[in-house]
């Protein structure tokens, strides 16, 4: 499944490259404020800070529109404020957004689908000076489908900065069986990202 989905995004990138008027490449990194949303998420759940970063390709279609596939490491998850401790669920993804980007002089808007591949997951609890963590990857699905919406500024020097929201369209937890009945928990990733980067070849 992973190979099929990743091949799909590679084909999209290949199609866009073939029809692109210009191609530029760059890097980006920034902070994330992430959470998990849905009716089965605990009421004590809160947002946690994370990091994301990676490489981008900007494929110009017209003077205003371009397609921007990216390959990013993204830290997601949530914080759980317990009575005597704080719990953290940290999810490590490789995200592949493919965005349509519209530029208006120095400003841009972007939107598109996103595929996430879960690389690892850790559940930890901190209480005072004590901490404990265990792997929790077995509880989560390997693939996450979502979307990205953003805006930002792009300087002629190549520097860029932006604000982006990642919303999950699929539930991230695996189904559980209780009393002979299989239940799919409703819980989706949610992330607000702020980033800076540099796009080579901008004029």
C-alpha atoms as a PDB file:
ATOM      1  CA  UNK A   1       0.000   0.000   0.000  1.00  0.00           C
ATOM      2  CA  UNK A   2       2.763   2.455   0.895  1.00  0.00           C
ATOM      3  CA  UNK A   3       4.549   1.815  -2.409  1.00  0.00           C
ATOM      4  CA  UNK A   4       1.359   2.274  -4.416  1.00  0.00           C
ATOM      5  CA  UNK A   5       0.478   5.561  -2.719  1.00  0.00           C
ATOM      6  CA  UNK A   6       3.995   6.945  -2.907  1.00  0.00           C
ATOM      7  CA  UNK A   7       4.185   5.943  -6.584  1.00  0.00           C
ATOM      8  CA  UNK A   8       0.972   7.906  -7.159  1.00  0.00           C
ATOM      9  CA  UNK A   9       2.560  11.076  -5.812  1.00  0.00           C
ATOM     10  CA  UNK A  10       5.713  10.450  -7.842  1.00  0.00           C
ATOM     11  CA  UNK A  11       3.569  10.189 -10.980  1.00  0.00           C
ATOM     12  CA  UNK A  12       1.852  13.470 -10.126  1.00  0.00           C
ATOM     13  CA  UNK A  13       5.242  15.100  -9.735  1.00  0.00           C
ATOM     14  CA  UNK A  14       6.438  13.628 -13.026  1.00  0.00           C
ATOM     15  CA  UNK A  15       3.340  14.873 -14.864  1.00  0.00           C
ATOM     16  CA  UNK A  16       3.707  18.356 -13.423  1.00  0.00           C
ATOM     17  CA  UNK A  17       7.420  18.447 -14.281  1.00  0.00           C
ATOM     18  CA  UNK A  18       6.653  17.522 -17.891  1.00  0.00           C
ATOM     19  CA  UNK A  19       4.162  20.400 -18.157  1.00  0.00           C
ATOM     20  CA  UNK A  20       6.067  22.908 -16.059  1.00  0.00           C
ATOM     21  CA  UNK A  21       7.474  26.128 -17.515  1.00  0.00           C
ATOM     22  CA  UNK A  22      10.119  26.235 -14.784  1.00  0.00           C
ATOM     23  CA  UNK A  23      11.256  24.141 -11.836  1.00  0.00           C
ATOM     24  CA  UNK A  24      12.835  25.390  -8.620  1.00  0.00           C
ATOM     25  CA  UNK A  25      13.889  23.540  -5.495  1.00  0.00           C
ATOM     26  CA  UNK A  26      14.278  24.542  -1.881  1.00  0.00           C
ATOM     27  CA  UNK A  27      14.275  23.733   1.797  1.00  0.00           C
ATOM     28  CA  UNK A  28      11.985  24.686   4.675  1.00  0.00           C
ATOM     29  CA  UNK A  29      11.666  24.165   8.424  1.00  0.00           C
ATOM     30  CA  UNK A  30       9.564  25.441  11.288  1.00  0.00           C
ATOM     31  CA  UNK A  31       7.491  24.799  14.357  1.00  0.00           C
ATOM     32  CA  UNK A  32       4.146  23.042  14.711  1.00  0.00           C
ATOM     33  CA  UNK A  33       1.264  23.252  17.159  1.00  0.00           C
ATOM     34  CA  UNK A  34      -0.417  19.857  16.878  1.00  0.00           C
ATOM     35  CA  UNK A  35      -3.381  18.043  18.361  1.00  0.00           C
ATOM     36  CA  UNK A  36      -5.747  15.142  17.693  1.00  0.00           C
ATOM     37  CA  UNK A  37      -9.426  15.933  17.120  1.00  0.00           C
ATOM     38  CA  UNK A  38     -12.566  13.808  17.007  1.00  0.00           C
ATOM     39  CA  UNK A  39     -15.380  12.620  19.245  1.00  0.00           C
ATOM     40  CA  UNK A  40     -13.272   9.838  20.787  1.00  0.00           C
ATOM     41  CA  UNK A  41     -10.404  12.103  21.841  1.00  0.00           C
ATOM     42  CA  UNK A  42     -10.207  12.627  25.616  1.00  0.00           C
ATOM     43  CA  UNK A  43     -11.498  15.917  27.000  1.00  0.00           C
ATOM     44  CA  UNK A  44      -8.156  16.425  28.793  1.00  0.00           C
ATOM     45  CA  UNK A  45      -6.244  16.369  25.489  1.00  0.00           C
ATOM     46  CA  UNK A  46      -4.392  19.553  24.549  1.00  0.00           C
ATOM     47  CA  UNK A  47      -2.010  20.784  21.876  1.00  0.00           C
ATOM     48  CA  UNK A  48       1.710  20.091  21.891  1.00  0.00           C
ATOM     49  CA  UNK A  49       4.676  21.727  20.196  1.00  0.00           C
ATOM     50  CA  UNK A  50       6.577  19.962  17.449  1.00  0.00           C
ATOM     51  CA  UNK A  51       8.881  20.434  14.479  1.00  0.00           C
ATOM     52  CA  UNK A  52       8.671  19.914  10.733  1.00  0.00           C
ATOM     53  CA  UNK A  53      11.091  20.364   7.884  1.00  0.00           C
ATOM     54  CA  UNK A  54      12.223  19.034   4.542  1.00  0.00           C
ATOM     55  CA  UNK A  55      12.581  19.747   0.835  1.00  0.00           C
ATOM     56  CA  UNK A  56      10.233  21.299  -1.717  1.00  0.00           C
ATOM     57  CA  UNK A  57       9.970  21.530  -5.492  1.00  0.00           C
ATOM     58  CA  UNK A  58       8.086  24.369  -7.152  1.00  0.00           C
ATOM     59  CA  UNK A  59       6.932  23.625 -10.693  1.00  0.00           C
ATOM     60  CA  UNK A  60       5.680  26.696 -12.534  1.00  0.00           C
ATOM     61  CA  UNK A  61       2.594  26.224 -14.726  1.00  0.00           C
ATOM     62  CA  UNK A  62       1.880  29.887 -15.517  1.00  0.00           C
ATOM     63  CA  UNK A  63       3.139  33.231 -14.237  1.00  0.00           C
ATOM     64  CA  UNK A  64       0.690  32.954 -11.326  1.00  0.00           C
ATOM     65  CA  UNK A  65       0.105  29.247 -10.717  1.00  0.00           C
ATOM     66  CA  UNK A  66       2.488  26.469  -9.783  1.00  0.00           C
ATOM     67  CA  UNK A  67       2.399  22.996  -8.261  1.00  0.00           C
ATOM     68  CA  UNK A  68       4.526  22.414  -5.175  1.00  0.00           C
ATOM     69  CA  UNK A  69       5.184  18.819  -4.028  1.00  0.00           C
ATOM     70  CA  UNK A  70       7.087  18.505  -0.756  1.00  0.00           C
ATOM     71  CA  UNK A  71       8.796  15.766   1.255  1.00  0.00           C
ATOM     72  CA  UNK A  72       8.673  16.609   4.953  1.00  0.00           C
ATOM     73  CA  UNK A  73       9.398  15.134   8.341  1.00  0.00           C
ATOM     74  CA  UNK A  74       6.485  16.141  10.592  1.00  0.00           C
ATOM     75  CA  UNK A  75       6.148  15.665  14.340  1.00  0.00           C
ATOM     76  CA  UNK A  76       2.488  15.431  15.408  1.00  0.00           C
ATOM     77  CA  UNK A  77       0.448  14.239  18.383  1.00  0.00           C
ATOM     78  CA  UNK A  78      -1.066  15.661  21.561  1.00  0.00           C
ATOM     79  CA  UNK A  79      -0.504  16.481  25.221  1.00  0.00           C
ATOM     80  CA  UNK A  80      -2.708  15.024  27.971  1.00  0.00           C
ATOM     81  CA  UNK A  81      -2.916  16.918  31.260  1.00  0.00           C
ATOM     82  CA  UNK A  82      -3.474  14.288  33.946  1.00  0.00           C
ATOM     83  CA  UNK A  83      -4.104  14.987  37.637  1.00  0.00           C
ATOM     84  CA  UNK A  84      -0.531  14.265  38.762  1.00  0.00           C
ATOM     85  CA  UNK A  85       1.390  13.975  35.477  1.00  0.00           C
ATOM     86  CA  UNK A  86       1.517  15.053  31.847  1.00  0.00           C
ATOM     87  CA  UNK A  87       1.197  12.528  29.045  1.00  0.00           C
ATOM     88  CA  UNK A  88       2.454  12.950  25.496  1.00  0.00           C
ATOM     89  CA  UNK A  89       1.552  11.041  22.367  1.00  0.00           C
ATOM     90  CA  UNK A  90       4.142  11.824  19.705  1.00  0.00           C
ATOM     91  CA  UNK A  91       3.703  10.683  16.106  1.00  0.00           C
ATOM     92  CA  UNK A  92       6.542  10.904  13.584  1.00  0.00           C
ATOM     93  CA  UNK A  93       5.402  11.149   9.960  1.00  0.00           C
ATOM     94  CA  UNK A  94       6.914  11.568   6.540  1.00  0.00           C
ATOM     95  CA  UNK A  95       4.382  13.874   4.884  1.00  0.00           C
ATOM     96  CA  UNK A  96       4.008  14.325   1.123  1.00  0.00           C
ATOM     97  CA  UNK A  97       1.752  17.314   0.332  1.00  0.00           C
ATOM     98  CA  UNK A  98       1.083  18.224  -3.315  1.00  0.00           C
ATOM     99  CA  UNK A  99      -0.151  21.816  -3.368  1.00  0.00           C
ATOM    100  CA  UNK A 100      -1.534  24.169  -5.983  1.00  0.00           C
ATOM    101  CA  UNK A 101       0.103  27.525  -5.317  1.00  0.00           C
ATOM    102  CA  UNK A 102      -1.249  30.894  -6.497  1.00  0.00           C
ATOM    103  CA  UNK A 103       1.117  33.868  -6.319  1.00  0.00           C
ATOM    104  CA  UNK A 104       0.088  37.524  -6.093  1.00  0.00           C
ATOM    105  CA  UNK A 105       3.301  39.536  -6.309  1.00  0.00           C
ATOM    106  CA  UNK A 106       5.092  38.734  -3.020  1.00  0.00           C
ATOM    107  CA  UNK A 107       2.135  36.890  -1.465  1.00  0.00           C
ATOM    108  CA  UNK A 108       0.881  33.376  -2.140  1.00  0.00           C
ATOM    109  CA  UNK A 109      -1.987  31.033  -1.278  1.00  0.00           C
ATOM    110  CA  UNK A 110      -1.660  27.237  -1.359  1.00  0.00           C
ATOM    111  CA  UNK A 111      -3.956  24.234  -1.011  1.00  0.00           C
ATOM    112  CA  UNK A 112      -3.907  20.530  -1.816  1.00  0.00           C
ATOM    113  CA  UNK A 113      -3.984  16.916  -0.612  1.00  0.00           C
ATOM    114  CA  UNK A 114      -1.437  15.361   1.698  1.00  0.00           C
ATOM    115  CA  UNK A 115      -0.294  11.794   2.329  1.00  0.00           C
ATOM    116  CA  UNK A 116       1.410  10.893   5.608  1.00  0.00           C
ATOM    117  CA  UNK A 117       3.412   7.731   6.308  1.00  0.00           C
ATOM    118  CA  UNK A 118       3.843   6.940  10.010  1.00  0.00           C
ATOM    119  CA  UNK A 119       7.466   6.123  10.824  1.00  0.00           C
ATOM    120  CA  UNK A 120       7.268   5.762  14.613  1.00  0.00           C
ATOM    121  CA  UNK A 121       5.115   6.690  17.612  1.00  0.00           C
ATOM    122  CA  UNK A 122       5.948   7.159  21.292  1.00  0.00           C
ATOM    123  CA  UNK A 123       3.741   7.484  24.354  1.00  0.00           C
ATOM    124  CA  UNK A 124       5.394   9.110  27.361  1.00  0.00           C
ATOM    125  CA  UNK A 125       4.426  10.279  30.843  1.00  0.00           C
ATOM    126  CA  UNK A 126       6.264  12.947  32.850  1.00  0.00           C
ATOM    127  CA  UNK A 127       5.759  13.554  36.566  1.00  0.00           C
ATOM    128  CA  UNK A 128       8.221  15.833  38.308  1.00  0.00           C
ATOM    129  CA  UNK A 129      11.708  14.521  37.569  1.00  0.00           C
ATOM    130  CA  UNK A 130      10.373  11.114  36.530  1.00  0.00           C
ATOM    131  CA  UNK A 131       9.602  10.158  32.944  1.00  0.00           C
ATOM    132  CA  UNK A 132       8.767   6.980  31.076  1.00  0.00           C
ATOM    133  CA  UNK A 133       8.165   6.290  27.386  1.00  0.00           C
ATOM    134  CA  UNK A 134       7.137   3.308  25.284  1.00  0.00           C
ATOM    135  CA  UNK A 135       6.548   2.674  21.592  1.00  0.00           C
ATOM    136  CA  UNK A 136       2.889   3.044  20.579  1.00  0.00           C
ATOM    137  CA  UNK A 137       3.199   2.585  16.803  1.00  0.00           C
ATOM    138  CA  UNK A 138       1.165  -0.650  16.852  1.00  0.00           C
ATOM    139  CA  UNK A 139      -1.935   1.328  17.896  1.00  0.00           C
ATOM    140  CA  UNK A 140      -1.894   3.603  14.828  1.00  0.00           C
ATOM    141  CA  UNK A 141      -2.469   3.202  11.099  1.00  0.00           C
ATOM    142  CA  UNK A 142       0.537   3.420   8.807  1.00  0.00           C
ATOM    143  CA  UNK A 143      -1.120   5.821   6.339  1.00  0.00           C
ATOM    144  CA  UNK A 144      -2.786   9.164   7.050  1.00  0.00           C
ATOM    145  CA  UNK A 145      -4.762  11.124   4.453  1.00  0.00           C
ATOM    146  CA  UNK A 146      -5.309  14.844   4.854  1.00  0.00           C
ATOM    147  CA  UNK A 147      -5.193  18.274   3.282  1.00  0.00           C
ATOM    148  CA  UNK A 148      -3.129  21.437   3.616  1.00  0.00           C
ATOM    149  CA  UNK A 149      -4.165  25.103   3.379  1.00  0.00           C
ATOM    150  CA  UNK A 150      -1.724  27.958   3.700  1.00  0.00           C
ATOM    151  CA  UNK A 151      -0.549  31.450   2.888  1.00  0.00           C
ATOM    152  CA  UNK A 152       2.759  33.244   2.972  1.00  0.00           C
ATOM    153  CA  UNK A 153       5.265  35.587   1.402  1.00  0.00           C
ATOM    154  CA  UNK A 154       7.966  34.851  -1.175  1.00  0.00           C
ATOM    155  CA  UNK A 155      10.796  37.329  -1.680  1.00  0.00           C
ATOM    156  CA  UNK A 156      12.663  37.734  -4.968  1.00  0.00           C
ATOM    157  CA  UNK A 157      15.840  36.720  -3.102  1.00  0.00           C
ATOM    158  CA  UNK A 158      14.407  33.230  -2.534  1.00  0.00           C
ATOM    159  CA  UNK A 159      13.490  33.625   1.120  1.00  0.00           C
ATOM    160  CA  UNK A 160       9.970  32.551   2.060  1.00  0.00           C
ATOM    161  CA  UNK A 161       7.810  32.364   5.164  1.00  0.00           C
ATOM    162  CA  UNK A 162       4.379  30.885   5.609  1.00  0.00           C
ATOM    163  CA  UNK A 163       1.566  29.709   7.825  1.00  0.00           C
ATOM    164  CA  UNK A 164      -0.143  26.396   7.039  1.00  0.00           C
ATOM    165  CA  UNK A 165      -2.904  24.234   8.494  1.00  0.00           C
ATOM    166  CA  UNK A 166      -2.851  20.440   8.085  1.00  0.00           C
ATOM    167  CA  UNK A 167      -6.202  18.733   8.627  1.00  0.00           C
ATOM    168  CA  UNK A 168      -6.688  14.982   8.779  1.00  0.00           C
ATOM    169  CA  UNK A 169      -9.362  13.288   6.662  1.00  0.00           C
ATOM    170  CA  UNK A 170      -8.792   9.767   7.978  1.00  0.00           C
ATOM    171  CA  UNK A 171      -8.838   8.310  11.484  1.00  0.00           C
ATOM    172  CA  UNK A 172      -5.313   7.624  12.714  1.00  0.00           C
ATOM    173  CA  UNK A 173      -5.996   4.907  15.313  1.00  0.00           C
ATOM    174  CA  UNK A 174      -6.450   1.272  14.330  1.00  0.00           C
ATOM    175  CA  UNK A 175      -9.867  -0.338  14.983  1.00  0.00           C
ATOM    176  CA  UNK A 176     -10.241  -2.066  18.352  1.00  0.00           C
ATOM    177  CA  UNK A 177     -12.335  -5.118  19.230  1.00  0.00           C
ATOM    178  CA  UNK A 178     -14.461  -4.954  22.383  1.00  0.00           C
ATOM    179  CA  UNK A 179     -16.880  -7.709  23.309  1.00  0.00           C
ATOM    180  CA  UNK A 180     -16.690  -9.218  19.863  1.00  0.00           C
ATOM    181  CA  UNK A 181     -17.506  -5.872  18.210  1.00  0.00           C
ATOM    182  CA  UNK A 182     -14.994  -3.939  16.118  1.00  0.00           C
ATOM    183  CA  UNK A 183     -14.975  -0.210  16.777  1.00  0.00           C
ATOM    184  CA  UNK A 184     -13.178   2.478  14.798  1.00  0.00           C
ATOM    185  CA  UNK A 185     -12.130   5.347  17.120  1.00  0.00           C
ATOM    186  CA  UNK A 186     -12.760   8.784  15.617  1.00  0.00           C
ATOM    187  CA  UNK A 187      -9.510  10.698  15.956  1.00  0.00           C
ATOM    188  CA  UNK A 188      -7.735  12.761  13.293  1.00  0.00           C
ATOM    189  CA  UNK A 189      -4.514  14.722  13.120  1.00  0.00           C
ATOM    190  CA  UNK A 190      -4.601  18.518  13.271  1.00  0.00           C
ATOM    191  CA  UNK A 191      -1.541  20.746  12.929  1.00  0.00           C
ATOM    192  CA  UNK A 192      -0.859  24.465  12.601  1.00  0.00           C
ATOM    193  CA  UNK A 193       2.583  25.099  11.134  1.00  0.00           C
ATOM    194  CA  UNK A 194       4.723  28.196  10.768  1.00  0.00           C
ATOM    195  CA  UNK A 195       7.868  27.958   8.679  1.00  0.00           C
ATOM    196  CA  UNK A 196      10.698  29.720   6.897  1.00  0.00           C
ATOM    197  CA  UNK A 197      12.605  28.472   3.900  1.00  0.00           C
ATOM    198  CA  UNK A 198      14.618  29.244   0.826  1.00  0.00           C
ATOM    199  CA  UNK A 199      13.693  28.552  -2.792  1.00  0.00           C
ATOM    200  CA  UNK A 200      16.663  28.415  -5.128  1.00  0.00           C
ATOM    201  CA  UNK A 201      16.388  29.980  -8.554  1.00  0.00           C
ATOM    202  CA  UNK A 202      13.828  32.667  -7.682  1.00  0.00           C
ATOM    203  CA  UNK A 203      14.287  35.853  -9.711  1.00  0.00           C
END
